[in-house]
């Protein structure tokens, strides 16, 4: 009996140790929850499949690249903006670190323009300082390695937690957007303020533009179009 108790104690201690290690590694219970949910709903497989697919599609020079996560990935940009020169390089679930990993072929193609929208997924896993560091690395590489490319930094859209709880806060999004705006100023780039156009009076994503509180519906993309179209044509 004493032996069984000792074994049980050891097993429970190891289990608790694993949980504590995960919390320390990820950062907080919220991040652990998000990681489990993130992996459990198939996003990792979708990311891998889409990233693998994009690797097989070479980018010809002179294109306009829409670069980002699911907000970018889910839009038919060339049709929306009536410009066949636009190509989509959005991947569902991507964060700033993922963009860094798949940046080489985009830079090598020397696009005429890149529209960058990234960072909201990072808020589930990383502190703001880490996200800012990744973000600036993306900007620095593009500006340095393809200086003829016009790079536009788009603000992160607000979310609506009453439609779907995701553990993120609009206050953190606002803080990150301020950092992105400062990066734009530092490198002499255009910062496109999407966020304020999509906010309601409480500071959340307007419900008429989303079904789940984070992704855009058709009307949301029409507003998106109105905001960025002048930058795609000049």
C-alpha atoms as a PDB file:
ATOM      1  CA  UNK A   1       0.000   0.000   0.000  1.00  0.00           C
ATOM      2  CA  UNK A   2       2.823   2.337   0.929  1.00  0.00           C
ATOM      3  CA  UNK A   3       4.565   1.495  -2.337  1.00  0.00           C
ATOM      4  CA  UNK A   4       1.432   2.315  -4.395  1.00  0.00           C
ATOM      5  CA  UNK A   5       1.066   5.599  -2.563  1.00  0.00           C
ATOM      6  CA  UNK A   6       4.683   6.499  -3.342  1.00  0.00           C
ATOM      7  CA  UNK A   7       4.256   5.653  -7.014  1.00  0.00           C
ATOM      8  CA  UNK A   8       1.064   7.718  -7.182  1.00  0.00           C
ATOM      9  CA  UNK A   9       2.828  10.632  -5.516  1.00  0.00           C
ATOM     10  CA  UNK A  10       5.694  10.462  -8.006  1.00  0.00           C
ATOM     11  CA  UNK A  11       3.320  10.354 -10.999  1.00  0.00           C
ATOM     12  CA  UNK A  12       1.285  13.301  -9.718  1.00  0.00           C
ATOM     13  CA  UNK A  13       4.449  15.264  -9.019  1.00  0.00           C
ATOM     14  CA  UNK A  14       5.706  14.635 -12.551  1.00  0.00           C
ATOM     15  CA  UNK A  15       2.345  15.715 -13.984  1.00  0.00           C
ATOM     16  CA  UNK A  16       2.337  18.922 -11.961  1.00  0.00           C
ATOM     17  CA  UNK A  17       5.951  19.513 -12.951  1.00  0.00           C
ATOM     18  CA  UNK A  18       5.045  19.259 -16.633  1.00  0.00           C
ATOM     19  CA  UNK A  19       2.228  21.775 -16.190  1.00  0.00           C
ATOM     20  CA  UNK A  20       4.501  24.194 -14.347  1.00  0.00           C
ATOM     21  CA  UNK A  21       7.176  23.822 -17.018  1.00  0.00           C
ATOM     22  CA  UNK A  22       4.595  24.549 -19.727  1.00  0.00           C
ATOM     23  CA  UNK A  23       3.381  27.616 -17.885  1.00  0.00           C
ATOM     24  CA  UNK A  24       6.903  28.925 -17.463  1.00  0.00           C
ATOM     25  CA  UNK A  25       7.714  28.171 -21.085  1.00  0.00           C
ATOM     26  CA  UNK A  26       4.580  29.728 -22.527  1.00  0.00           C
ATOM     27  CA  UNK A  27       4.074  32.545 -20.082  1.00  0.00           C
ATOM     28  CA  UNK A  28       0.681  32.182 -18.353  1.00  0.00           C
ATOM     29  CA  UNK A  29      -2.335  29.882 -17.962  1.00  0.00           C
ATOM     30  CA  UNK A  30      -4.088  31.872 -20.681  1.00  0.00           C
ATOM     31  CA  UNK A  31      -1.307  31.071 -23.157  1.00  0.00           C
ATOM     32  CA  UNK A  32      -1.398  27.389 -22.253  1.00  0.00           C
ATOM     33  CA  UNK A  33      -5.139  27.310 -22.890  1.00  0.00           C
ATOM     34  CA  UNK A  34      -4.710  29.080 -26.214  1.00  0.00           C
ATOM     35  CA  UNK A  35      -1.959  26.691 -27.288  1.00  0.00           C
ATOM     36  CA  UNK A  36      -4.107  23.637 -26.553  1.00  0.00           C
ATOM     37  CA  UNK A  37      -7.081  25.158 -28.400  1.00  0.00           C
ATOM     38  CA  UNK A  38      -4.847  26.337 -31.257  1.00  0.00           C
ATOM     39  CA  UNK A  39      -3.398  22.886 -31.818  1.00  0.00           C
ATOM     40  CA  UNK A  40      -6.683  21.098 -31.254  1.00  0.00           C
ATOM     41  CA  UNK A  41      -8.726  22.831 -33.921  1.00  0.00           C
ATOM     42  CA  UNK A  42      -6.511  21.935 -36.861  1.00  0.00           C
ATOM     43  CA  UNK A  43      -4.891  25.337 -37.401  1.00  0.00           C
ATOM     44  CA  UNK A  44      -1.385  23.882 -37.249  1.00  0.00           C
ATOM     45  CA  UNK A  45      -2.200  21.454 -40.088  1.00  0.00           C
ATOM     46  CA  UNK A  46      -3.783  24.218 -42.142  1.00  0.00           C
ATOM     47  CA  UNK A  47      -0.728  26.425 -41.613  1.00  0.00           C
ATOM     48  CA  UNK A  48       1.645  23.691 -42.711  1.00  0.00           C
ATOM     49  CA  UNK A  49      -0.419  22.807 -45.772  1.00  0.00           C
ATOM     50  CA  UNK A  50      -0.783  26.410 -46.936  1.00  0.00           C
ATOM     51  CA  UNK A  51       2.874  27.245 -46.275  1.00  0.00           C
ATOM     52  CA  UNK A  52       3.922  24.155 -48.232  1.00  0.00           C
ATOM     53  CA  UNK A  53       1.616  25.141 -51.082  1.00  0.00           C
ATOM     54  CA  UNK A  54       2.982  28.697 -51.269  1.00  0.00           C
ATOM     55  CA  UNK A  55       6.531  27.348 -51.531  1.00  0.00           C
ATOM     56  CA  UNK A  56       5.582  25.755 -54.848  1.00  0.00           C
ATOM     57  CA  UNK A  57       4.267  29.028 -56.272  1.00  0.00           C
ATOM     58  CA  UNK A  58       7.062  31.304 -57.473  1.00  0.00           C
ATOM     59  CA  UNK A  59       6.386  35.028 -57.375  1.00  0.00           C
ATOM     60  CA  UNK A  60       7.138  36.935 -60.550  1.00  0.00           C
ATOM     61  CA  UNK A  61       8.711  40.361 -60.233  1.00  0.00           C
ATOM     62  CA  UNK A  62       6.608  43.494 -60.102  1.00  0.00           C
ATOM     63  CA  UNK A  63       3.747  42.105 -58.054  1.00  0.00           C
ATOM     64  CA  UNK A  64       1.861  43.647 -55.138  1.00  0.00           C
ATOM     65  CA  UNK A  65       1.993  41.262 -52.172  1.00  0.00           C
ATOM     66  CA  UNK A  66      -0.631  41.081 -49.440  1.00  0.00           C
ATOM     67  CA  UNK A  67       1.260  39.554 -46.513  1.00  0.00           C
ATOM     68  CA  UNK A  68      -0.219  38.406 -43.222  1.00  0.00           C
ATOM     69  CA  UNK A  69      -2.389  35.920 -41.340  1.00  0.00           C
ATOM     70  CA  UNK A  70      -5.974  34.711 -41.822  1.00  0.00           C
ATOM     71  CA  UNK A  71      -7.357  38.239 -42.247  1.00  0.00           C
ATOM     72  CA  UNK A  72      -5.197  38.456 -45.368  1.00  0.00           C
ATOM     73  CA  UNK A  73      -5.527  34.809 -46.390  1.00  0.00           C
ATOM     74  CA  UNK A  74      -9.325  34.794 -46.474  1.00  0.00           C
ATOM     75  CA  UNK A  75      -9.742  37.636 -48.981  1.00  0.00           C
ATOM     76  CA  UNK A  76      -9.766  37.469 -52.782  1.00  0.00           C
ATOM     77  CA  UNK A  77      -7.656  40.615 -53.084  1.00  0.00           C
ATOM     78  CA  UNK A  78      -7.152  40.692 -56.828  1.00  0.00           C
ATOM     79  CA  UNK A  79     -10.908  40.498 -57.379  1.00  0.00           C
ATOM     80  CA  UNK A  80     -11.806  42.843 -54.531  1.00  0.00           C
ATOM     81  CA  UNK A  81      -9.380  45.504 -55.712  1.00  0.00           C
ATOM     82  CA  UNK A  82      -9.814  44.633 -59.416  1.00  0.00           C
ATOM     83  CA  UNK A  83      -6.086  44.291 -59.875  1.00  0.00           C
ATOM     84  CA  UNK A  84      -4.634  41.070 -61.284  1.00  0.00           C
ATOM     85  CA  UNK A  85      -1.163  42.208 -60.238  1.00  0.00           C
ATOM     86  CA  UNK A  86      -2.008  41.516 -56.579  1.00  0.00           C
ATOM     87  CA  UNK A  87      -1.073  38.175 -55.046  1.00  0.00           C
ATOM     88  CA  UNK A  88      -2.069  36.789 -51.661  1.00  0.00           C
ATOM     89  CA  UNK A  89       0.593  35.563 -49.241  1.00  0.00           C
ATOM     90  CA  UNK A  90      -1.576  35.285 -46.156  1.00  0.00           C
ATOM     91  CA  UNK A  91      -1.494  32.131 -44.032  1.00  0.00           C
ATOM     92  CA  UNK A  92      -4.094  31.278 -41.412  1.00  0.00           C
ATOM     93  CA  UNK A  93      -2.674  31.317 -37.884  1.00  0.00           C
ATOM     94  CA  UNK A  94       0.544  33.085 -38.828  1.00  0.00           C
ATOM     95  CA  UNK A  95       2.444  35.290 -36.420  1.00  0.00           C
ATOM     96  CA  UNK A  96       5.336  37.667 -36.981  1.00  0.00           C
ATOM     97  CA  UNK A  97       7.857  34.869 -36.448  1.00  0.00           C
ATOM     98  CA  UNK A  98       6.186  32.788 -39.159  1.00  0.00           C
ATOM     99  CA  UNK A  99       6.390  35.697 -41.592  1.00  0.00           C
ATOM    100  CA  UNK A 100      10.119  35.961 -40.911  1.00  0.00           C
ATOM    101  CA  UNK A 101      10.562  32.281 -41.751  1.00  0.00           C
ATOM    102  CA  UNK A 102       8.837  32.553 -45.142  1.00  0.00           C
ATOM    103  CA  UNK A 103      10.085  35.987 -46.158  1.00  0.00           C
ATOM    104  CA  UNK A 104      12.946  34.903 -48.464  1.00  0.00           C
ATOM    105  CA  UNK A 105      10.978  34.177 -51.682  1.00  0.00           C
ATOM    106  CA  UNK A 106       8.899  37.326 -51.208  1.00  0.00           C
ATOM    107  CA  UNK A 107      11.967  39.528 -50.867  1.00  0.00           C
ATOM    108  CA  UNK A 108      13.689  37.745 -53.765  1.00  0.00           C
ATOM    109  CA  UNK A 109      10.759  38.627 -56.061  1.00  0.00           C
ATOM    110  CA  UNK A 110      11.292  42.373 -55.476  1.00  0.00           C
ATOM    111  CA  UNK A 111       7.570  43.259 -55.284  1.00  0.00           C
ATOM    112  CA  UNK A 112       6.541  46.779 -56.179  1.00  0.00           C
ATOM    113  CA  UNK A 113       4.529  46.923 -52.935  1.00  0.00           C
ATOM    114  CA  UNK A 114       3.980  44.863 -49.801  1.00  0.00           C
ATOM    115  CA  UNK A 115       1.027  45.359 -47.469  1.00  0.00           C
ATOM    116  CA  UNK A 116       1.866  43.882 -44.066  1.00  0.00           C
ATOM    117  CA  UNK A 117      -0.839  42.975 -41.555  1.00  0.00           C
ATOM    118  CA  UNK A 118       0.446  40.783 -38.717  1.00  0.00           C
ATOM    119  CA  UNK A 119       0.586  40.570 -34.931  1.00  0.00           C
ATOM    120  CA  UNK A 120      -2.822  39.687 -33.515  1.00  0.00           C
ATOM    121  CA  UNK A 121      -2.107  35.949 -33.233  1.00  0.00           C
ATOM    122  CA  UNK A 122       1.179  36.705 -31.489  1.00  0.00           C
ATOM    123  CA  UNK A 123      -0.745  38.287 -28.611  1.00  0.00           C
ATOM    124  CA  UNK A 124      -1.907  34.803 -27.584  1.00  0.00           C
ATOM    125  CA  UNK A 125       1.642  33.573 -27.075  1.00  0.00           C
ATOM    126  CA  UNK A 126       4.214  36.362 -26.730  1.00  0.00           C
ATOM    127  CA  UNK A 127       4.761  39.503 -24.671  1.00  0.00           C
ATOM    128  CA  UNK A 128       4.478  42.789 -26.543  1.00  0.00           C
ATOM    129  CA  UNK A 129       8.234  43.375 -26.489  1.00  0.00           C
ATOM    130  CA  UNK A 130       8.866  40.098 -28.342  1.00  0.00           C
ATOM    131  CA  UNK A 131       6.206  40.861 -30.953  1.00  0.00           C
ATOM    132  CA  UNK A 132       7.680  44.307 -31.565  1.00  0.00           C
ATOM    133  CA  UNK A 133      11.131  42.754 -31.999  1.00  0.00           C
ATOM    134  CA  UNK A 134       9.863  40.225 -34.572  1.00  0.00           C
ATOM    135  CA  UNK A 135       7.887  42.917 -36.368  1.00  0.00           C
ATOM    136  CA  UNK A 136      10.833  45.254 -36.709  1.00  0.00           C
ATOM    137  CA  UNK A 137      12.995  42.407 -38.008  1.00  0.00           C
ATOM    138  CA  UNK A 138      10.470  41.859 -40.817  1.00  0.00           C
ATOM    139  CA  UNK A 139      10.474  45.547 -41.686  1.00  0.00           C
ATOM    140  CA  UNK A 140      14.258  45.835 -41.510  1.00  0.00           C
ATOM    141  CA  UNK A 141      14.777  42.887 -43.837  1.00  0.00           C
ATOM    142  CA  UNK A 142      12.331  44.165 -46.456  1.00  0.00           C
ATOM    143  CA  UNK A 143      13.668  47.724 -46.371  1.00  0.00           C
ATOM    144  CA  UNK A 144      17.291  46.559 -46.535  1.00  0.00           C
ATOM    145  CA  UNK A 145      17.018  43.700 -49.036  1.00  0.00           C
ATOM    146  CA  UNK A 146      14.470  45.113 -51.456  1.00  0.00           C
ATOM    147  CA  UNK A 147      14.717  48.912 -51.091  1.00  0.00           C
ATOM    148  CA  UNK A 148      12.680  49.608 -54.233  1.00  0.00           C
ATOM    149  CA  UNK A 149       9.631  47.916 -52.684  1.00  0.00           C
ATOM    150  CA  UNK A 150       7.050  50.220 -51.123  1.00  0.00           C
ATOM    151  CA  UNK A 151       6.166  48.740 -47.750  1.00  0.00           C
ATOM    152  CA  UNK A 152       2.881  49.651 -46.075  1.00  0.00           C
ATOM    153  CA  UNK A 153       2.315  48.799 -42.408  1.00  0.00           C
ATOM    154  CA  UNK A 154      -1.327  48.170 -41.592  1.00  0.00           C
ATOM    155  CA  UNK A 155      -2.657  48.486 -38.065  1.00  0.00           C
ATOM    156  CA  UNK A 156      -4.072  45.384 -36.399  1.00  0.00           C
ATOM    157  CA  UNK A 157      -7.851  45.255 -36.412  1.00  0.00           C
ATOM    158  CA  UNK A 158      -9.835  45.355 -33.166  1.00  0.00           C
ATOM    159  CA  UNK A 159     -11.599  42.244 -31.862  1.00  0.00           C
ATOM    160  CA  UNK A 160     -15.001  41.677 -30.245  1.00  0.00           C
ATOM    161  CA  UNK A 161     -14.786  39.343 -27.262  1.00  0.00           C
ATOM    162  CA  UNK A 162     -18.562  39.190 -26.788  1.00  0.00           C
ATOM    163  CA  UNK A 163     -18.799  37.315 -30.079  1.00  0.00           C
ATOM    164  CA  UNK A 164     -15.931  34.923 -29.323  1.00  0.00           C
ATOM    165  CA  UNK A 165     -13.646  34.828 -26.327  1.00  0.00           C
ATOM    166  CA  UNK A 166     -10.073  34.433 -27.494  1.00  0.00           C
ATOM    167  CA  UNK A 167      -8.023  35.679 -24.552  1.00  0.00           C
ATOM    168  CA  UNK A 168      -6.816  38.821 -26.338  1.00  0.00           C
ATOM    169  CA  UNK A 169      -7.538  42.408 -25.345  1.00  0.00           C
ATOM    170  CA  UNK A 170      -8.145  45.484 -27.465  1.00  0.00           C
ATOM    171  CA  UNK A 171      -5.937  47.446 -25.065  1.00  0.00           C
ATOM    172  CA  UNK A 172      -2.997  45.219 -26.049  1.00  0.00           C
ATOM    173  CA  UNK A 173      -3.864  45.613 -29.722  1.00  0.00           C
ATOM    174  CA  UNK A 174      -3.879  49.388 -29.304  1.00  0.00           C
ATOM    175  CA  UNK A 175      -0.470  49.265 -27.602  1.00  0.00           C
ATOM    176  CA  UNK A 176       0.966  47.101 -30.371  1.00  0.00           C
ATOM    177  CA  UNK A 177      -0.471  49.402 -33.030  1.00  0.00           C
ATOM    178  CA  UNK A 178       1.295  52.356 -31.436  1.00  0.00           C
ATOM    179  CA  UNK A 179       4.554  50.406 -31.660  1.00  0.00           C
ATOM    180  CA  UNK A 180       3.875  49.569 -35.328  1.00  0.00           C
ATOM    181  CA  UNK A 181       3.193  53.231 -36.037  1.00  0.00           C
ATOM    182  CA  UNK A 182       6.502  54.151 -34.420  1.00  0.00           C
ATOM    183  CA  UNK A 183       8.313  51.543 -36.528  1.00  0.00           C
ATOM    184  CA  UNK A 184       6.717  53.085 -39.624  1.00  0.00           C
ATOM    185  CA  UNK A 185       8.008  56.523 -38.606  1.00  0.00           C
ATOM    186  CA  UNK A 186      11.468  55.139 -37.856  1.00  0.00           C
ATOM    187  CA  UNK A 187      11.808  53.653 -41.355  1.00  0.00           C
ATOM    188  CA  UNK A 188       9.935  56.401 -43.200  1.00  0.00           C
ATOM    189  CA  UNK A 189       7.034  54.114 -44.157  1.00  0.00           C
ATOM    190  CA  UNK A 190       3.307  54.673 -44.561  1.00  0.00           C
ATOM    191  CA  UNK A 191       1.203  53.470 -41.630  1.00  0.00           C
ATOM    192  CA  UNK A 192      -2.381  52.638 -42.617  1.00  0.00           C
ATOM    193  CA  UNK A 193      -4.828  53.041 -39.746  1.00  0.00           C
ATOM    194  CA  UNK A 194      -7.416  50.305 -40.227  1.00  0.00           C
ATOM    195  CA  UNK A 195      -8.167  49.893 -36.535  1.00  0.00           C
ATOM    196  CA  UNK A 196     -10.050  53.113 -35.854  1.00  0.00           C
ATOM    197  CA  UNK A 197     -12.289  52.603 -38.913  1.00  0.00           C
ATOM    198  CA  UNK A 198     -13.446  49.192 -37.660  1.00  0.00           C
ATOM    199  CA  UNK A 199     -14.046  50.171 -34.014  1.00  0.00           C
ATOM    200  CA  UNK A 200     -17.378  50.778 -32.331  1.00  0.00           C
ATOM    201  CA  UNK A 201     -17.843  53.324 -29.537  1.00  0.00           C
ATOM    202  CA  UNK A 202     -16.662  50.775 -26.950  1.00  0.00           C
ATOM    203  CA  UNK A 203     -13.425  50.150 -28.835  1.00  0.00           C
ATOM    204  CA  UNK A 204     -14.371  46.681 -30.120  1.00  0.00           C
ATOM    205  CA  UNK A 205     -14.704  45.362 -33.662  1.00  0.00           C
ATOM    206  CA  UNK A 206     -18.055  46.503 -35.072  1.00  0.00           C
ATOM    207  CA  UNK A 207     -20.418  43.520 -35.145  1.00  0.00           C
ATOM    208  CA  UNK A 208     -21.689  44.265 -38.655  1.00  0.00           C
ATOM    209  CA  UNK A 209     -18.225  43.463 -40.003  1.00  0.00           C
ATOM    210  CA  UNK A 210     -17.659  40.056 -38.365  1.00  0.00           C
ATOM    211  CA  UNK A 211     -19.418  36.820 -37.472  1.00  0.00           C
ATOM    212  CA  UNK A 212     -16.898  35.575 -34.914  1.00  0.00           C
ATOM    213  CA  UNK A 213     -15.416  38.760 -33.461  1.00  0.00           C
ATOM    214  CA  UNK A 214     -12.036  38.549 -35.178  1.00  0.00           C
ATOM    215  CA  UNK A 215     -12.380  37.609 -38.876  1.00  0.00           C
ATOM    216  CA  UNK A 216     -14.088  39.823 -41.435  1.00  0.00           C
ATOM    217  CA  UNK A 217     -17.248  39.167 -43.402  1.00  0.00           C
ATOM    218  CA  UNK A 218     -18.006  40.556 -46.863  1.00  0.00           C
ATOM    219  CA  UNK A 219     -18.969  44.003 -45.613  1.00  0.00           C
ATOM    220  CA  UNK A 220     -15.797  44.111 -43.534  1.00  0.00           C
ATOM    221  CA  UNK A 221     -13.660  43.507 -46.598  1.00  0.00           C
ATOM    222  CA  UNK A 222     -15.549  46.173 -48.531  1.00  0.00           C
ATOM    223  CA  UNK A 223     -14.578  48.696 -45.853  1.00  0.00           C
ATOM    224  CA  UNK A 224     -11.013  47.332 -45.954  1.00  0.00           C
ATOM    225  CA  UNK A 225     -11.025  47.914 -49.706  1.00  0.00           C
ATOM    226  CA  UNK A 226     -12.148  51.526 -49.333  1.00  0.00           C
ATOM    227  CA  UNK A 227      -9.272  52.211 -46.927  1.00  0.00           C
ATOM    228  CA  UNK A 228      -6.382  50.635 -48.822  1.00  0.00           C
ATOM    229  CA  UNK A 229      -7.366  50.980 -52.501  1.00  0.00           C
ATOM    230  CA  UNK A 230      -5.794  54.446 -52.874  1.00  0.00           C
ATOM    231  CA  UNK A 231      -2.459  52.942 -51.781  1.00  0.00           C
ATOM    232  CA  UNK A 232      -2.649  50.113 -54.316  1.00  0.00           C
ATOM    233  CA  UNK A 233      -3.184  52.423 -57.268  1.00  0.00           C
ATOM    234  CA  UNK A 234      -0.769  55.296 -56.632  1.00  0.00           C
END
